[in-house]
Amino acid sequence: MTVKMSDLLPERLDRVGEEARKTLSQNEDIGCMKLAWDYIGTELGDALKSALDCDALTVFAKTWATAEQISAYADPEKHPPGERSVIELGSHDISRALEPVIAVTVGSCPCVELKFTFTVTGNFGGVALTVLNAHIIGGRPGDAWATAQLSYNGIPLHEAAESRKVALPGEFDFPEPGIPIPRLA
């Protein structure tokens, strides 16, 4: 089972159209138009879901890969090629902010880019990561869930309680070569 970032969005994003209208109406050519703002909001919601159609565990793994306790696994002198390791991380939370940008064009008006912030938090009772050749290749999250908050210009677009908690799969693998672990200087 794959959990996508878009799975963490609430079913309805009613405020997306309202906040977009505020920004788009600042353009005097768009501001004077009579537009179907509900339709624009629905289209924006669909575009956001499409932009956030990425694997949640991959996003979390990219954050784990930068953790200090993982960085040593990028050093081939300490962990030679072909060495397979399992790293146990205790209970922790990971927060990441993704910033999807949706380009909106209304009629012949110039394109307006709307930048959203999607803050996701993964709550892990522990995780075991498998590392091979300076890459995270898979793992087991144990007791884990994730929640998220979508905002625009610092304004939350749904109540935090509306974020859905989604259980993460019991085991996960990443396509070869896996998630790279950057070598710290």
N, C-alpha and C. Protein backbone atom coordinates (compact mmCIF):
# COMPACT_ATOMS: atom_id res chain seq x y z
N MET A 1 0.85 -1.19 0.00
CA MET A 1 0.00 0.00 0.00
C MET A 1 0.89 1.25 0.00
N THR A 2 0.63 2.14 -0.92
CA THR A 2 1.38 3.39 -1.00
C THR A 2 0.50 4.52 -0.49
N VAL A 3 1.06 5.35 0.38
CA VAL A 3 0.35 6.53 0.87
C VAL A 3 0.91 7.73 0.13
N LYS A 4 0.05 8.45 -0.55
CA LYS A 4 0.45 9.66 -1.29
C LYS A 4 0.25 10.87 -0.40
N MET A 5 1.03 11.90 -0.63
CA MET A 5 0.85 13.15 0.11
C MET A 5 -0.57 13.67 -0.10
N SER A 6 -1.10 13.52 -1.29
CA SER A 6 -2.45 13.99 -1.58
C SER A 6 -3.51 13.27 -0.74
N ASP A 7 -3.22 12.05 -0.26
CA ASP A 7 -4.15 11.31 0.60
C ASP A 7 -4.37 12.02 1.94
N LEU A 8 -3.45 12.91 2.30
CA LEU A 8 -3.53 13.61 3.58
C LEU A 8 -4.38 14.87 3.52
N LEU A 9 -4.79 15.26 2.31
CA LEU A 9 -5.66 16.43 2.17
C LEU A 9 -7.08 16.07 2.57
N PRO A 10 -7.81 17.03 3.13
CA PRO A 10 -9.23 16.76 3.40
C PRO A 10 -9.99 16.56 2.09
N GLU A 11 -11.13 15.92 2.17
CA GLU A 11 -11.94 15.69 0.97
C GLU A 11 -12.30 16.99 0.26
N ARG A 12 -12.64 18.00 1.04
CA ARG A 12 -13.07 19.28 0.46
C ARG A 12 -12.09 20.38 0.86
N LEU A 13 -11.75 21.19 -0.12
CA LEU A 13 -10.85 22.32 0.10
C LEU A 13 -11.58 23.61 -0.30
N ASP A 14 -12.67 23.90 0.39
CA ASP A 14 -13.51 25.03 0.01
C ASP A 14 -12.79 26.37 0.03
N ARG A 15 -11.86 26.55 0.94
CA ARG A 15 -11.21 27.86 1.08
C ARG A 15 -10.15 28.12 0.01
N VAL A 16 -9.77 27.11 -0.76
CA VAL A 16 -8.76 27.30 -1.80
C VAL A 16 -9.25 28.35 -2.80
N GLY A 17 -10.48 28.20 -3.28
CA GLY A 17 -11.03 29.15 -4.26
C GLY A 17 -11.17 30.55 -3.68
N GLU A 18 -11.58 30.62 -2.43
CA GLU A 18 -11.76 31.92 -1.75
C GLU A 18 -10.43 32.67 -1.64
N GLU A 19 -9.37 31.98 -1.22
CA GLU A 19 -8.06 32.62 -1.09
C GLU A 19 -7.46 32.94 -2.45
N ALA A 20 -7.66 32.06 -3.42
CA ALA A 20 -7.16 32.33 -4.77
C ALA A 20 -7.86 33.55 -5.36
N ARG A 21 -9.15 33.68 -5.09
CA ARG A 21 -9.91 34.83 -5.60
C ARG A 21 -9.30 36.14 -5.10
N LYS A 22 -8.90 36.17 -3.83
CA LYS A 22 -8.30 37.38 -3.27
C LYS A 22 -7.05 37.78 -4.06
N THR A 23 -6.21 36.79 -4.35
CA THR A 23 -4.97 37.07 -5.07
C THR A 23 -5.24 37.40 -6.53
N LEU A 24 -6.06 36.58 -7.19
CA LEU A 24 -6.32 36.79 -8.61
C LEU A 24 -7.06 38.10 -8.87
N SER A 25 -7.91 38.51 -7.94
CA SER A 25 -8.68 39.75 -8.11
C SER A 25 -7.80 40.99 -8.01
N GLN A 26 -6.58 40.85 -7.51
CA GLN A 26 -5.67 41.99 -7.46
C GLN A 26 -5.24 42.41 -8.86
N ASN A 27 -5.33 41.48 -9.82
CA ASN A 27 -5.10 41.82 -11.22
C ASN A 27 -6.37 42.49 -11.72
N GLU A 28 -6.27 43.75 -12.12
CA GLU A 28 -7.50 44.50 -12.46
C GLU A 28 -8.27 43.89 -13.62
N ASP A 29 -7.57 43.22 -14.54
CA ASP A 29 -8.28 42.57 -15.65
C ASP A 29 -9.13 41.40 -15.16
N ILE A 30 -8.60 40.66 -14.18
CA ILE A 30 -9.35 39.51 -13.64
C ILE A 30 -10.38 40.00 -12.63
N GLY A 31 -10.02 41.00 -11.82
CA GLY A 31 -10.90 41.50 -10.77
C GLY A 31 -12.25 41.98 -11.28
N CYS A 32 -12.27 42.50 -12.51
CA CYS A 32 -13.54 43.02 -13.04
C CYS A 32 -14.37 41.96 -13.75
N MET A 33 -13.83 40.74 -13.88
CA MET A 33 -14.55 39.66 -14.56
C MET A 33 -15.55 38.99 -13.62
N LYS A 34 -16.64 38.52 -14.19
CA LYS A 34 -17.57 37.68 -13.43
C LYS A 34 -17.16 36.25 -13.72
N LEU A 35 -16.60 35.61 -12.72
CA LEU A 35 -16.07 34.27 -12.91
C LEU A 35 -16.78 33.26 -12.00
N ALA A 36 -16.71 32.02 -12.40
CA ALA A 36 -17.26 30.92 -11.60
C ALA A 36 -16.18 30.50 -10.60
N TRP A 37 -16.12 31.23 -9.48
CA TRP A 37 -15.06 31.01 -8.50
C TRP A 37 -15.12 29.63 -7.88
N ASP A 38 -16.32 29.07 -7.74
CA ASP A 38 -16.43 27.70 -7.21
C ASP A 38 -15.73 26.72 -8.15
N TYR A 39 -15.93 26.93 -9.44
CA TYR A 39 -15.30 26.07 -10.45
C TYR A 39 -13.77 26.23 -10.40
N ILE A 40 -13.31 27.46 -10.31
CA ILE A 40 -11.87 27.73 -10.22
C ILE A 40 -11.30 27.07 -8.96
N GLY A 41 -12.02 27.16 -7.85
CA GLY A 41 -11.59 26.52 -6.61
C GLY A 41 -11.49 25.01 -6.75
N THR A 42 -12.47 24.41 -7.42
CA THR A 42 -12.45 22.96 -7.65
C THR A 42 -11.26 22.57 -8.51
N GLU A 43 -11.01 23.34 -9.57
CA GLU A 43 -9.88 23.07 -10.45
C GLU A 43 -8.55 23.22 -9.69
N LEU A 44 -8.46 24.25 -8.84
CA LEU A 44 -7.25 24.43 -8.02
C LEU A 44 -7.06 23.25 -7.06
N GLY A 45 -8.15 22.82 -6.44
CA GLY A 45 -8.07 21.67 -5.54
C GLY A 45 -7.57 20.42 -6.26
N ASP A 46 -8.09 20.20 -7.47
CA ASP A 46 -7.64 19.05 -8.27
C ASP A 46 -6.17 19.19 -8.65
N ALA A 47 -5.75 20.41 -9.01
CA ALA A 47 -4.35 20.64 -9.37
C ALA A 47 -3.43 20.42 -8.17
N LEU A 48 -3.87 20.84 -6.99
CA LEU A 48 -3.08 20.61 -5.77
C LEU A 48 -2.94 19.11 -5.49
N LYS A 49 -4.03 18.38 -5.62
CA LYS A 49 -3.98 16.94 -5.38
C LYS A 49 -3.02 16.27 -6.38
N SER A 50 -3.04 16.75 -7.61
CA SER A 50 -2.13 16.21 -8.61
C SER A 50 -0.68 16.56 -8.27
N ALA A 51 -0.44 17.80 -7.85
CA ALA A 51 0.92 18.23 -7.50
C ALA A 51 1.46 17.46 -6.28
N LEU A 52 0.56 17.03 -5.41
CA LEU A 52 0.96 16.32 -4.19
C LEU A 52 0.82 14.81 -4.34
N ASP A 53 0.75 14.34 -5.56
CA ASP A 53 0.63 12.91 -5.83
C ASP A 53 2.02 12.26 -5.79
N CYS A 54 2.65 12.35 -4.63
CA CYS A 54 3.98 11.76 -4.44
C CYS A 54 3.94 10.89 -3.19
N ASP A 55 4.82 9.90 -3.15
CA ASP A 55 4.85 8.93 -2.07
C ASP A 55 5.29 9.57 -0.75
N ALA A 56 4.47 9.46 0.28
CA ALA A 56 4.77 10.07 1.58
C ALA A 56 6.04 9.49 2.19
N LEU A 57 6.24 8.19 2.10
CA LEU A 57 7.44 7.59 2.70
C LEU A 57 8.72 8.05 1.99
N THR A 58 8.64 8.33 0.70
CA THR A 58 9.81 8.86 0.00
C THR A 58 10.16 10.24 0.54
N VAL A 59 9.14 11.06 0.79
CA VAL A 59 9.38 12.38 1.36
C VAL A 59 10.01 12.25 2.74
N PHE A 60 9.48 11.37 3.57
CA PHE A 60 10.05 11.17 4.91
C PHE A 60 11.48 10.62 4.81
N ALA A 61 11.71 9.68 3.90
CA ALA A 61 13.04 9.07 3.76
C ALA A 61 14.09 10.11 3.36
N LYS A 62 13.70 11.08 2.55
CA LYS A 62 14.63 12.14 2.17
C LYS A 62 15.03 12.96 3.40
N THR A 63 14.13 13.08 4.34
CA THR A 63 14.45 13.78 5.59
C THR A 63 15.32 12.89 6.47
N TRP A 64 14.98 11.61 6.60
CA TRP A 64 15.81 10.69 7.38
C TRP A 64 17.24 10.66 6.84
N ALA A 65 17.38 10.69 5.51
CA ALA A 65 18.70 10.60 4.89
C ALA A 65 19.62 11.74 5.32
N THR A 66 19.06 12.86 5.75
CA THR A 66 19.88 14.00 6.16
C THR A 66 20.16 14.01 7.67
N ALA A 67 19.62 13.04 8.39
CA ALA A 67 19.83 12.98 9.84
C ALA A 67 21.29 12.65 10.16
N GLU A 68 21.79 13.24 11.20
CA GLU A 68 23.19 13.06 11.59
C GLU A 68 23.53 11.58 11.82
N GLN A 69 22.65 10.82 12.49
CA GLN A 69 22.96 9.43 12.78
C GLN A 69 22.96 8.55 11.53
N ILE A 70 22.43 9.05 10.42
CA ILE A 70 22.42 8.28 9.17
C ILE A 70 23.61 8.68 8.29
N SER A 71 24.11 9.89 8.44
CA SER A 71 25.13 10.43 7.53
C SER A 71 26.40 9.58 7.46
N ALA A 72 26.77 8.91 8.55
CA ALA A 72 27.98 8.07 8.54
C ALA A 72 27.88 6.95 7.51
N TYR A 73 26.65 6.54 7.16
CA TYR A 73 26.46 5.45 6.21
C TYR A 73 26.76 5.88 4.78
N ALA A 74 27.04 7.16 4.56
CA ALA A 74 27.45 7.64 3.24
C ALA A 74 28.96 7.56 3.07
N ASP A 75 29.69 7.27 4.13
CA ASP A 75 31.15 7.20 4.10
C ASP A 75 31.59 5.78 3.73
N PRO A 76 32.14 5.60 2.52
CA PRO A 76 32.52 4.24 2.09
C PRO A 76 33.66 3.64 2.91
N GLU A 77 34.43 4.46 3.63
CA GLU A 77 35.49 3.92 4.49
C GLU A 77 34.89 3.26 5.73
N LYS A 78 33.79 3.82 6.25
CA LYS A 78 33.14 3.26 7.43
C LYS A 78 32.17 2.14 7.05
N HIS A 79 31.56 2.28 5.89
CA HIS A 79 30.55 1.32 5.44
C HIS A 79 30.82 1.02 3.97
N PRO A 80 31.65 0.01 3.69
CA PRO A 80 32.07 -0.27 2.31
C PRO A 80 30.91 -0.70 1.41
N PRO A 81 31.09 -0.51 0.09
CA PRO A 81 30.06 -0.93 -0.87
C PRO A 81 29.66 -2.40 -0.64
N GLY A 82 28.37 -2.64 -0.73
CA GLY A 82 27.84 -3.98 -0.53
C GLY A 82 27.43 -4.28 0.90
N GLU A 83 27.86 -3.45 1.85
CA GLU A 83 27.46 -3.65 3.24
C GLU A 83 26.00 -3.24 3.41
N ARG A 84 25.23 -4.15 3.96
CA ARG A 84 23.80 -3.90 4.21
C ARG A 84 23.64 -3.67 5.71
N SER A 85 22.99 -2.57 6.09
CA SER A 85 22.81 -2.23 7.50
C SER A 85 21.35 -1.93 7.79
N VAL A 86 20.96 -2.23 9.03
CA VAL A 86 19.63 -1.85 9.50
C VAL A 86 19.85 -0.85 10.63
N ILE A 87 19.23 0.32 10.49
CA ILE A 87 19.39 1.39 11.46
C ILE A 87 18.05 1.59 12.16
N GLU A 88 18.07 1.50 13.47
CA GLU A 88 16.86 1.68 14.27
C GLU A 88 16.81 3.12 14.77
N LEU A 89 15.75 3.83 14.43
CA LEU A 89 15.51 5.17 14.96
C LEU A 89 14.36 5.08 15.95
N GLY A 90 14.51 5.68 17.09
CA GLY A 90 13.47 5.65 18.11
C GLY A 90 12.28 6.51 17.74
N SER A 91 11.41 6.68 18.69
CA SER A 91 10.19 7.48 18.50
C SER A 91 10.56 8.91 18.11
N HIS A 92 9.91 9.42 17.06
CA HIS A 92 10.21 10.78 16.60
C HIS A 92 9.11 11.27 15.66
N ASP A 93 9.12 12.56 15.44
CA ASP A 93 8.24 13.20 14.47
C ASP A 93 9.12 13.81 13.38
N ILE A 94 8.62 13.82 12.17
CA ILE A 94 9.30 14.48 11.06
C ILE A 94 8.30 15.46 10.46
N SER A 95 8.72 16.69 10.30
CA SER A 95 7.88 17.68 9.61
C SER A 95 8.60 18.17 8.37
N ARG A 96 7.87 18.26 7.29
CA ARG A 96 8.40 18.75 6.03
C ARG A 96 7.39 19.72 5.44
N ALA A 97 7.87 20.77 4.84
CA ALA A 97 7.00 21.70 4.13
C ALA A 97 7.27 21.57 2.64
N LEU A 98 6.24 21.22 1.90
CA LEU A 98 6.30 21.17 0.44
C LEU A 98 5.61 22.43 -0.07
N GLU A 99 6.08 22.95 -1.19
CA GLU A 99 5.52 24.21 -1.69
C GLU A 99 5.06 24.06 -3.14
N PRO A 100 3.90 23.45 -3.33
CA PRO A 100 3.39 23.33 -4.70
C PRO A 100 3.00 24.70 -5.25
N VAL A 101 3.33 24.94 -6.51
CA VAL A 101 2.98 26.18 -7.19
C VAL A 101 2.02 25.82 -8.32
N ILE A 102 0.87 26.49 -8.32
CA ILE A 102 -0.13 26.25 -9.35
C ILE A 102 -0.21 27.49 -10.23
N ALA A 103 0.00 27.29 -11.52
CA ALA A 103 -0.08 28.39 -12.48
C ALA A 103 -1.53 28.52 -12.96
N VAL A 104 -2.10 29.72 -12.83
CA VAL A 104 -3.49 29.95 -13.20
C VAL A 104 -3.54 30.99 -14.32
N THR A 105 -4.25 30.64 -15.39
CA THR A 105 -4.46 31.57 -16.48
C THR A 105 -5.97 31.74 -16.65
N VAL A 106 -6.42 32.98 -16.64
CA VAL A 106 -7.84 33.28 -16.83
C VAL A 106 -7.96 34.09 -18.12
N GLY A 107 -8.63 33.50 -19.10
CA GLY A 107 -8.80 34.18 -20.38
C GLY A 107 -7.46 34.56 -20.98
N SER A 108 -7.37 35.79 -21.45
CA SER A 108 -6.13 36.25 -22.08
C SER A 108 -5.21 36.96 -21.08
N CYS A 109 -5.57 36.95 -19.80
CA CYS A 109 -4.76 37.61 -18.77
C CYS A 109 -3.46 36.83 -18.56
N PRO A 110 -2.41 37.54 -18.16
CA PRO A 110 -1.15 36.84 -17.90
C PRO A 110 -1.30 35.80 -16.79
N CYS A 111 -0.48 34.78 -16.88
CA CYS A 111 -0.48 33.69 -15.90
C CYS A 111 -0.12 34.23 -14.52
N VAL A 112 -0.84 33.75 -13.50
CA VAL A 112 -0.54 34.09 -12.11
C VAL A 112 -0.16 32.79 -11.41
N GLU A 113 0.97 32.80 -10.71
CA GLU A 113 1.40 31.61 -9.98
C GLU A 113 0.99 31.73 -8.52
N LEU A 114 0.31 30.72 -8.02
CA LEU A 114 -0.14 30.67 -6.63
C LEU A 114 0.72 29.65 -5.90
N LYS A 115 1.44 30.10 -4.87
CA LYS A 115 2.33 29.22 -4.12
C LYS A 115 1.67 28.83 -2.80
N PHE A 116 1.45 27.53 -2.64
CA PHE A 116 0.84 26.98 -1.44
C PHE A 116 1.92 26.36 -0.56
N THR A 117 1.61 26.18 0.70
CA THR A 117 2.51 25.47 1.61
C THR A 117 1.75 24.29 2.17
N PHE A 118 2.34 23.13 2.04
CA PHE A 118 1.75 21.88 2.51
C PHE A 118 2.71 21.32 3.55
N THR A 119 2.35 21.47 4.83
CA THR A 119 3.21 21.00 5.91
C THR A 119 2.70 19.64 6.36
N VAL A 120 3.56 18.66 6.28
CA VAL A 120 3.19 17.30 6.65
C VAL A 120 4.05 16.86 7.83
N THR A 121 3.42 16.18 8.76
CA THR A 121 4.13 15.65 9.92
C THR A 121 3.89 14.15 10.00
N GLY A 122 5.00 13.42 10.02
CA GLY A 122 4.94 11.98 10.23
C GLY A 122 5.28 11.70 11.68
N ASN A 123 4.46 10.94 12.34
CA ASN A 123 4.67 10.56 13.74
C ASN A 123 5.05 9.09 13.76
N PHE A 124 6.25 8.81 14.24
CA PHE A 124 6.77 7.44 14.21
C PHE A 124 7.08 6.97 15.62
N GLY A 125 6.54 5.82 15.98
CA GLY A 125 6.86 5.20 17.26
C GLY A 125 8.23 4.56 17.20
N GLY A 126 8.84 4.61 16.05
CA GLY A 126 10.15 4.04 15.77
C GLY A 126 10.17 3.64 14.32
N VAL A 127 11.36 3.49 13.77
CA VAL A 127 11.48 3.06 12.38
C VAL A 127 12.80 2.31 12.23
N ALA A 128 12.79 1.28 11.42
CA ALA A 128 14.00 0.55 11.07
C ALA A 128 14.26 0.81 9.59
N LEU A 129 15.42 1.37 9.27
CA LEU A 129 15.77 1.68 7.89
C LEU A 129 16.84 0.72 7.40
N THR A 130 16.69 0.22 6.19
CA THR A 130 17.70 -0.63 5.58
C THR A 130 18.53 0.25 4.65
N VAL A 131 19.87 0.20 4.84
CA VAL A 131 20.79 1.02 4.07
C VAL A 131 21.75 0.12 3.31
N LEU A 132 21.98 0.46 2.05
CA LEU A 132 22.92 -0.27 1.20
C LEU A 132 23.57 0.73 0.25
N ASN A 133 24.89 0.74 0.20
CA ASN A 133 25.63 1.60 -0.72
C ASN A 133 25.23 3.07 -0.61
N ALA A 134 25.19 3.58 0.62
CA ALA A 134 24.88 4.98 0.91
C ALA A 134 23.49 5.40 0.44
N HIS A 135 22.55 4.45 0.44
CA HIS A 135 21.16 4.73 0.06
C HIS A 135 20.22 4.02 1.03
N ILE A 136 19.13 4.68 1.37
CA ILE A 136 18.07 4.02 2.13
C ILE A 136 17.26 3.23 1.10
N ILE A 137 17.21 1.92 1.26
CA ILE A 137 16.52 1.10 0.26
C ILE A 137 15.16 0.60 0.73
N GLY A 138 14.85 0.78 2.01
CA GLY A 138 13.56 0.35 2.52
C GLY A 138 13.53 0.46 4.02
N GLY A 139 12.48 -0.10 4.59
CA GLY A 139 12.37 -0.05 6.04
C GLY A 139 11.03 -0.54 6.55
N ARG A 140 10.85 -0.31 7.84
CA ARG A 140 9.64 -0.71 8.56
C ARG A 140 9.31 0.41 9.54
N PRO A 141 8.16 1.09 9.41
CA PRO A 141 7.88 2.22 10.29
C PRO A 141 7.32 1.87 11.67
N GLY A 142 6.89 0.65 11.90
CA GLY A 142 6.25 0.36 13.19
C GLY A 142 4.96 1.15 13.31
N ASP A 143 4.67 1.65 14.50
CA ASP A 143 3.47 2.44 14.74
C ASP A 143 3.69 3.83 14.15
N ALA A 144 2.93 4.18 13.11
CA ALA A 144 3.17 5.46 12.44
C ALA A 144 1.89 5.99 11.84
N TRP A 145 1.81 7.32 11.76
CA TRP A 145 0.72 7.98 11.05
C TRP A 145 1.23 9.34 10.61
N ALA A 146 0.44 9.96 9.76
CA ALA A 146 0.84 11.27 9.25
C ALA A 146 -0.37 12.18 9.17
N THR A 147 -0.13 13.48 9.39
CA THR A 147 -1.16 14.49 9.24
C THR A 147 -0.57 15.64 8.44
N ALA A 148 -1.45 16.51 7.94
CA ALA A 148 -0.96 17.60 7.11
C ALA A 148 -1.84 18.84 7.23
N GLN A 149 -1.26 19.98 6.85
CA GLN A 149 -1.99 21.25 6.84
C GLN A 149 -1.61 21.98 5.55
N LEU A 150 -2.61 22.36 4.78
CA LEU A 150 -2.41 23.14 3.56
C LEU A 150 -2.72 24.60 3.87
N SER A 151 -1.83 25.50 3.43
CA SER A 151 -2.08 26.92 3.64
C SER A 151 -1.68 27.71 2.40
N TYR A 152 -2.17 28.93 2.36
CA TYR A 152 -1.84 29.85 1.27
C TYR A 152 -1.60 31.22 1.90
N ASN A 153 -0.46 31.80 1.62
CA ASN A 153 -0.06 33.08 2.22
C ASN A 153 -0.16 33.03 3.75
N GLY A 154 0.19 31.90 4.33
CA GLY A 154 0.17 31.76 5.78
C GLY A 154 -1.21 31.51 6.37
N ILE A 155 -2.23 31.42 5.53
CA ILE A 155 -3.60 31.20 6.00
C ILE A 155 -3.96 29.73 5.81
N PRO A 156 -4.24 29.01 6.91
CA PRO A 156 -4.65 27.60 6.77
C PRO A 156 -5.93 27.50 5.94
N LEU A 157 -5.97 26.51 5.05
CA LEU A 157 -7.12 26.34 4.16
C LEU A 157 -8.11 25.29 4.66
N HIS A 158 -7.82 24.74 5.81
CA HIS A 158 -8.76 23.81 6.46
C HIS A 158 -8.37 23.73 7.92
N GLU A 159 -9.31 23.31 8.73
CA GLU A 159 -9.03 23.14 10.15
C GLU A 159 -8.06 21.98 10.31
N ALA A 160 -7.12 22.11 11.22
CA ALA A 160 -6.15 21.04 11.44
C ALA A 160 -6.85 19.71 11.73
N ALA A 161 -7.96 19.78 12.45
CA ALA A 161 -8.70 18.56 12.78
C ALA A 161 -9.26 17.88 11.53
N GLU A 162 -9.37 18.64 10.43
CA GLU A 162 -9.89 18.06 9.20
C GLU A 162 -8.84 17.23 8.47
N SER A 163 -7.56 17.41 8.81
CA SER A 163 -6.54 16.60 8.18
C SER A 163 -6.81 15.15 8.51
N ARG A 164 -6.60 14.30 7.54
CA ARG A 164 -6.85 12.89 7.75
C ARG A 164 -5.61 12.21 8.29
N LYS A 165 -5.78 11.32 9.28
CA LYS A 165 -4.68 10.48 9.73
C LYS A 165 -4.71 9.24 8.86
N VAL A 166 -3.57 8.93 8.28
CA VAL A 166 -3.48 7.79 7.38
C VAL A 166 -2.40 6.85 7.91
N ALA A 167 -2.76 5.60 8.11
CA ALA A 167 -1.78 4.61 8.58
C ALA A 167 -0.79 4.33 7.45
N LEU A 168 0.48 4.22 7.80
CA LEU A 168 1.52 3.94 6.83
C LEU A 168 1.72 2.44 6.71
N PRO A 169 2.22 1.96 5.56
CA PRO A 169 2.36 0.51 5.38
C PRO A 169 3.38 -0.09 6.34
N GLY A 170 3.26 -1.39 6.60
CA GLY A 170 4.12 -2.08 7.54
C GLY A 170 5.56 -2.20 7.07
N GLU A 171 5.79 -2.34 5.78
CA GLU A 171 7.14 -2.37 5.22
C GLU A 171 7.12 -1.57 3.94
N PHE A 172 8.28 -1.03 3.59
CA PHE A 172 8.37 -0.26 2.35
C PHE A 172 9.73 -0.46 1.71
N ASP A 173 9.77 -0.35 0.41
CA ASP A 173 10.99 -0.44 -0.38
C ASP A 173 11.00 0.74 -1.35
N PHE A 174 12.20 1.19 -1.70
CA PHE A 174 12.35 2.25 -2.68
C PHE A 174 13.01 1.67 -3.92
N PRO A 175 12.62 2.16 -5.10
CA PRO A 175 13.26 1.67 -6.33
C PRO A 175 14.77 1.92 -6.28
N GLU A 176 15.53 0.99 -6.88
CA GLU A 176 17.00 1.13 -6.91
C GLU A 176 17.40 2.45 -7.56
N PRO A 177 18.38 3.11 -7.05
CA PRO A 177 19.29 2.67 -6.00
C PRO A 177 18.80 3.01 -4.60
N GLY A 178 17.60 3.64 -4.46
CA GLY A 178 17.08 4.05 -3.16
C GLY A 178 17.21 5.55 -2.97
N ILE A 179 17.04 5.99 -1.74
CA ILE A 179 17.13 7.41 -1.39
C ILE A 179 18.58 7.69 -0.99
N PRO A 180 19.27 8.58 -1.72
CA PRO A 180 20.69 8.82 -1.40
C PRO A 180 20.88 9.48 -0.05
N ILE A 181 21.93 9.06 0.64
CA ILE A 181 22.32 9.67 1.92
C ILE A 181 23.46 10.63 1.61
N PRO A 182 23.23 11.93 1.78
CA PRO A 182 24.30 12.89 1.47
C PRO A 182 25.46 12.76 2.45
N ARG A 183 26.64 12.92 1.94
CA ARG A 183 27.83 12.86 2.79
C ARG A 183 28.06 14.22 3.39
N LEU A 184 28.11 14.29 4.72
CA LEU A 184 28.33 15.55 5.39
C LEU A 184 29.80 15.94 5.31
N ALA A 185 30.05 17.24 5.21
CA ALA A 185 31.42 17.72 5.10
C ALA A 185 32.14 17.64 6.43
